[in-house]
């Protein structure tokens, strides 16, 4: 009717292919083939012409060959490694610390950078060889239209030479990130536990001079000693900074005010620490 706004057309949205679910955008053709879920060119492109299907099949075959060569090259340069019994025992007995995990993560990132550099070198060589092959495959002295069409068929613009290079780099990057993520998560968990344990240790204050001397955490020992040497305003700032409370420090503060020998020892701790750790000492000011 006149004056009525047209009704919007209702179309069924295209649903995502379930074969791609859980792959983060990386289609594992090997796994699909293994499980009998791989599709041929006609199934992937039901509306394509016979000529287009031939081109797609050629591209799929070429991509498969490129992946095979890419994996073979990396297996050759990386090789295979399996630790012996001594190495496995040493790795199993080594304490799991955040610093050790961080060193492993840094090593993995450095190895990935080396792999990317190697891949770039290979791709540069391949690109140069392909460019020289294309240059040598055409005789500019021949101007026949049939020859030109044949040449363009061999080097179709719909198959850019860079596409395989980008795919290789993305696959390498994805494999690296997929391997790295569990290490980073575990590192964060271990680091969080270590920080919590350190926080509990820092909140455990010695009750007397003997406990103060036996403190395993020398950084905490310096913080307490420095606290006792400051005036009231500076002490209040440190109480807020470290989350301390006066009752925990009262026993040492009483000895600081009544025991001259303890006061000398505290001053010695502060002087020795600040002379050996000038940068750290400034951070505790």
Protein backbone atom coordinates (compact mmCIF):
# COMPACT_ATOMS: atom_id res chain seq x y z
CA UNK A 1 0.00 0.00 0.00
CA UNK A 2 1.05 3.59 -0.64
CA UNK A 3 2.65 5.30 2.31
CA UNK A 4 3.75 2.11 3.96
CA UNK A 5 7.43 1.46 4.43
CA UNK A 6 8.71 -1.65 2.64
CA UNK A 7 9.21 -4.70 4.82
CA UNK A 8 12.82 -5.80 5.16
CA UNK A 9 13.66 -8.96 3.31
CA UNK A 10 14.34 -11.93 5.54
CA UNK A 11 17.26 -14.07 4.49
CA UNK A 12 18.71 -17.09 6.20
CA UNK A 13 22.21 -16.26 7.50
CA UNK A 14 25.02 -18.48 6.32
CA UNK A 15 26.12 -20.72 9.15
CA UNK A 16 29.83 -21.30 9.79
CA UNK A 17 31.36 -24.57 8.64
CA UNK A 18 31.55 -26.93 11.64
CA UNK A 19 34.81 -28.34 10.24
CA UNK A 20 36.51 -25.08 11.19
CA UNK A 21 35.23 -25.05 14.80
CA UNK A 22 37.96 -25.02 17.44
CA UNK A 23 40.83 -24.39 14.99
CA UNK A 24 41.28 -20.62 15.57
CA UNK A 25 41.00 -19.95 11.85
CA UNK A 26 43.65 -22.54 10.89
CA UNK A 27 42.16 -25.38 8.87
CA UNK A 28 44.00 -28.64 9.49
CA UNK A 29 43.57 -30.45 6.18
CA UNK A 30 45.67 -33.42 7.35
CA UNK A 31 43.41 -34.05 10.35
CA UNK A 32 40.31 -33.60 8.19
CA UNK A 33 41.59 -36.16 5.70
CA UNK A 34 42.54 -38.56 8.48
CA UNK A 35 39.03 -38.41 9.96
CA UNK A 36 37.36 -38.69 6.54
CA UNK A 37 35.95 -35.15 6.66
CA UNK A 38 38.02 -33.58 3.89
CA UNK A 39 36.08 -32.07 0.98
CA UNK A 40 37.16 -31.97 -2.65
CA UNK A 41 37.15 -28.90 -4.88
CA UNK A 42 33.61 -29.51 -6.16
CA UNK A 43 32.19 -29.89 -2.63
CA UNK A 44 33.95 -26.73 -1.48
CA UNK A 45 32.81 -24.76 -4.55
CA UNK A 46 29.48 -26.23 -5.71
CA UNK A 47 28.69 -23.37 -8.10
CA UNK A 48 32.07 -23.19 -9.87
CA UNK A 49 32.53 -24.04 -13.53
CA UNK A 50 34.55 -27.00 -14.75
CA UNK A 51 37.47 -24.74 -15.66
CA UNK A 52 37.38 -23.03 -12.28
CA UNK A 53 37.32 -26.42 -10.55
CA UNK A 54 40.44 -27.42 -12.47
CA UNK A 55 42.18 -24.24 -11.36
CA UNK A 56 41.08 -24.81 -7.75
CA UNK A 57 42.32 -28.40 -7.82
CA UNK A 58 45.66 -27.20 -9.20
CA UNK A 59 45.88 -24.66 -6.39
CA UNK A 60 44.96 -27.24 -3.72
CA UNK A 61 47.61 -29.61 -5.06
CA UNK A 62 50.22 -26.86 -5.13
CA UNK A 63 49.33 -25.78 -1.58
CA UNK A 64 49.65 -29.39 -0.40
CA UNK A 65 53.08 -29.68 -2.01
CA UNK A 66 54.15 -26.37 -0.46
CA UNK A 67 53.03 -27.51 3.02
CA UNK A 68 54.86 -30.81 2.58
CA UNK A 69 58.06 -29.04 1.59
CA UNK A 70 57.67 -26.49 4.37
CA UNK A 71 57.25 -29.16 7.06
CA UNK A 72 60.08 -31.23 5.60
CA UNK A 73 62.45 -28.26 5.62
CA UNK A 74 61.72 -27.46 9.25
CA UNK A 75 62.05 -31.07 10.32
CA UNK A 76 65.44 -31.11 8.64
CA UNK A 77 66.70 -27.95 10.33
CA UNK A 78 65.14 -28.74 13.73
CA UNK A 79 65.76 -32.48 13.64
CA UNK A 80 64.39 -34.69 16.39
CA UNK A 81 65.36 -34.76 20.04
CA UNK A 82 64.56 -37.12 22.90
CA UNK A 83 66.28 -36.67 26.27
CA UNK A 84 68.21 -39.51 27.84
CA UNK A 85 67.49 -40.84 31.33
CA UNK A 86 69.99 -38.53 33.05
CA UNK A 87 68.55 -35.45 31.36
CA UNK A 88 64.99 -36.48 32.23
CA UNK A 89 65.97 -37.10 35.87
CA UNK A 90 67.74 -33.76 36.07
CA UNK A 91 64.73 -31.96 34.59
CA UNK A 92 62.37 -33.80 36.95
CA UNK A 93 64.45 -33.03 40.06
CA UNK A 94 65.04 -29.37 39.20
CA UNK A 95 62.93 -27.01 41.34
CA UNK A 96 60.13 -25.34 39.42
CA UNK A 97 60.61 -21.62 39.89
CA UNK A 98 59.21 -18.59 38.12
CA UNK A 99 62.71 -17.51 37.08
CA UNK A 100 63.42 -20.91 35.50
CA UNK A 101 60.10 -20.87 33.63
CA UNK A 102 60.73 -17.30 32.47
CA UNK A 103 64.14 -18.34 31.12
CA UNK A 104 62.48 -21.20 29.21
CA UNK A 105 59.86 -18.82 27.78
CA UNK A 106 62.56 -16.38 26.67
CA UNK A 107 64.42 -19.28 25.04
CA UNK A 108 61.28 -20.34 23.18
CA UNK A 109 60.72 -16.80 21.93
CA UNK A 110 64.33 -16.51 20.78
CA UNK A 111 64.10 -19.86 18.95
CA UNK A 112 60.93 -18.64 17.26
CA UNK A 113 62.66 -15.45 16.13
CA UNK A 114 65.47 -17.58 14.71
CA UNK A 115 62.94 -19.78 12.93
CA UNK A 116 61.20 -16.75 11.42
CA UNK A 117 64.55 -15.39 10.23
CA UNK A 118 65.35 -18.76 8.63
CA UNK A 119 61.91 -18.86 7.00
CA UNK A 120 62.42 -15.38 5.56
CA UNK A 121 65.72 -16.51 4.07
CA UNK A 122 64.06 -19.53 2.44
CA UNK A 123 61.17 -17.46 1.12
CA UNK A 124 63.55 -14.87 -0.31
CA UNK A 125 65.44 -17.58 -2.17
CA UNK A 126 62.19 -19.14 -3.44
CA UNK A 127 60.78 -15.80 -4.55
CA UNK A 128 63.95 -14.89 -6.39
CA UNK A 129 64.04 -18.31 -8.10
CA UNK A 130 60.38 -17.97 -9.11
CA UNK A 131 60.87 -14.45 -10.42
CA UNK A 132 63.89 -15.53 -12.48
CA UNK A 133 61.94 -18.52 -13.79
CA UNK A 134 59.07 -16.27 -14.89
CA UNK A 135 61.48 -13.85 -16.51
CA UNK A 136 63.21 -16.63 -18.45
CA UNK A 137 59.95 -18.31 -19.47
CA UNK A 138 58.85 -15.55 -21.83
CA UNK A 139 60.50 -14.44 -25.04
CA UNK A 140 59.63 -10.78 -25.62
CA UNK A 141 60.53 -11.17 -29.26
CA UNK A 142 57.45 -13.34 -29.78
CA UNK A 143 54.33 -11.16 -29.93
CA UNK A 144 51.69 -13.74 -30.86
CA UNK A 145 48.44 -13.33 -28.92
CA UNK A 146 48.19 -17.09 -28.32
CA UNK A 147 51.59 -17.13 -26.67
CA UNK A 148 50.64 -14.18 -24.45
CA UNK A 149 47.42 -15.90 -23.37
CA UNK A 150 49.34 -19.09 -22.60
CA UNK A 151 51.87 -17.15 -20.56
CA UNK A 152 49.13 -15.41 -18.57
CA UNK A 153 47.52 -18.81 -17.92
CA UNK A 154 50.77 -20.07 -16.43
CA UNK A 155 51.06 -17.02 -14.18
CA UNK A 156 47.46 -16.26 -13.23
CA UNK A 157 46.97 -13.25 -10.94
CA UNK A 158 44.45 -15.20 -8.85
CA UNK A 159 47.32 -17.21 -7.31
CA UNK A 160 49.68 -14.59 -5.87
CA UNK A 161 53.12 -15.97 -5.10
CA UNK A 162 53.07 -14.29 -1.71
CA UNK A 163 50.01 -16.23 -0.49
CA UNK A 164 52.01 -19.39 0.29
CA UNK A 165 54.66 -17.31 2.06
CA UNK A 166 52.06 -15.61 4.27
CA UNK A 167 50.42 -18.95 5.06
CA UNK A 168 53.75 -20.43 6.12
CA UNK A 169 54.55 -17.49 8.38
CA UNK A 170 51.07 -17.53 9.94
CA UNK A 171 51.25 -21.29 10.53
CA UNK A 172 54.67 -20.94 12.15
CA UNK A 173 53.47 -18.09 14.33
CA UNK A 174 50.31 -19.95 15.32
CA UNK A 175 52.26 -23.06 16.27
CA UNK A 176 54.61 -20.96 18.38
CA UNK A 177 51.80 -19.13 20.21
CA UNK A 178 49.85 -22.35 20.75
CA UNK A 179 52.92 -23.91 22.36
CA UNK A 180 53.84 -20.81 24.33
CA UNK A 181 50.45 -20.06 25.93
CA UNK A 182 50.48 -23.03 28.40
CA UNK A 183 54.01 -22.09 29.50
CA UNK A 184 52.99 -18.45 30.09
CA UNK A 185 49.90 -19.49 32.04
CA UNK A 186 51.92 -21.86 34.20
CA UNK A 187 54.58 -19.18 34.72
CA UNK A 188 51.92 -16.72 35.91
CA UNK A 189 50.54 -19.33 38.32
CA UNK A 190 53.98 -20.11 39.78
CA UNK A 191 54.88 -16.42 39.96
CA UNK A 192 51.63 -15.65 41.77
CA UNK A 193 52.33 -18.41 44.33
CA UNK A 194 55.89 -17.16 44.87
CA UNK A 195 54.69 -13.59 45.34
CA UNK A 196 52.05 -14.74 47.82
CA UNK A 197 54.65 -16.76 49.73
CA UNK A 198 56.97 -13.74 49.76
CA UNK A 199 54.14 -11.54 51.01
CA UNK A 200 53.50 -13.94 53.88
CA UNK A 201 57.20 -14.02 54.73
CA UNK A 202 57.38 -10.23 54.64
CA UNK A 203 54.46 -9.98 57.03
CA UNK A 204 56.17 -12.26 59.54
CA UNK A 205 58.10 -9.88 61.78
CA UNK A 206 60.77 -10.97 64.23
CA UNK A 207 59.91 -10.54 67.89
CA UNK A 208 63.44 -10.05 69.20
CA UNK A 209 67.03 -9.42 68.17
CA UNK A 210 67.79 -13.13 67.71
CA UNK A 211 64.91 -13.61 65.25
CA UNK A 212 65.92 -10.43 63.46
CA UNK A 213 69.45 -11.75 62.94
CA UNK A 214 68.14 -15.07 61.57
CA UNK A 215 65.84 -13.52 58.97
CA UNK A 216 66.48 -15.38 55.65
CA UNK A 217 65.05 -12.47 53.66
CA UNK A 218 67.81 -9.87 53.79
CA UNK A 219 65.71 -7.36 51.87
CA UNK A 220 63.05 -7.53 54.61
CA UNK A 221 65.78 -7.27 57.24
CA UNK A 222 66.99 -4.04 55.65
CA UNK A 223 63.44 -2.64 55.37
CA UNK A 224 62.82 -3.20 59.08
CA UNK A 225 66.19 -1.78 60.06
CA UNK A 226 65.63 1.27 57.85
CA UNK A 227 62.17 1.74 59.35
CA UNK A 228 63.58 1.86 62.90
CA UNK A 229 66.08 4.59 62.00
CA UNK A 230 63.46 6.98 60.57
CA UNK A 231 61.36 9.65 62.25
CA UNK A 232 57.64 9.19 62.93
CA UNK A 233 56.41 10.84 59.69
CA UNK A 234 58.72 8.74 57.53
CA UNK A 235 57.72 5.62 59.46
CA UNK A 236 54.04 6.33 58.78
CA UNK A 237 54.77 6.51 55.05
CA UNK A 238 56.51 3.12 55.14
CA UNK A 239 53.64 1.63 57.14
CA UNK A 240 51.27 2.62 54.32
CA UNK A 241 53.72 1.60 51.59
CA UNK A 242 54.36 -1.93 52.89
CA UNK A 243 51.01 -2.52 54.62
CA UNK A 244 52.62 -2.97 58.03
CA UNK A 245 51.00 -2.32 61.41
CA UNK A 246 52.50 -0.87 64.58
CA UNK A 247 51.73 -3.90 66.82
CA UNK A 248 53.98 -6.12 64.66
CA UNK A 249 56.86 -3.68 64.96
CA UNK A 250 56.39 -2.72 68.60
CA UNK A 251 58.76 -5.36 70.03
CA UNK A 252 61.67 -4.28 67.82
CA UNK A 253 60.84 -0.60 68.28
CA UNK A 254 61.01 -1.02 72.06
CA UNK A 255 64.44 -2.64 71.79
CA UNK A 256 65.55 0.14 69.43
CA UNK A 257 64.66 2.71 72.09
CA UNK A 258 66.11 0.80 75.07
CA UNK A 259 69.01 -1.32 73.78
CA UNK A 260 72.05 0.69 72.60
CA UNK A 261 73.79 -2.43 71.24
CA UNK A 262 70.72 -3.27 69.16
CA UNK A 263 70.64 0.28 67.84
CA UNK A 264 74.28 0.05 66.72
CA UNK A 265 73.61 -3.28 65.00
CA UNK A 266 70.57 -1.87 63.19
CA UNK A 267 72.55 1.13 61.97
CA UNK A 268 75.30 -1.21 60.75
CA UNK A 269 72.78 -3.30 58.78
CA UNK A 270 71.44 -0.17 57.08
CA UNK A 271 74.89 1.19 56.22
CA UNK A 272 76.19 -2.11 54.83
CA UNK A 273 73.08 -2.74 52.74
CA UNK A 274 72.98 0.75 51.25
CA UNK A 275 76.69 0.66 50.42
CA UNK A 276 76.31 -2.72 48.65
CA UNK A 277 72.91 -1.98 47.05
CA UNK A 278 72.73 1.75 46.31
CA UNK A 279 70.04 1.42 43.62
CA UNK A 280 67.78 -0.81 45.70
CA UNK A 281 68.28 1.42 48.72
CA UNK A 282 66.92 4.44 46.82
CA UNK A 283 63.77 2.47 45.96
CA UNK A 284 63.10 1.92 49.66
CA UNK A 285 63.36 5.57 50.57
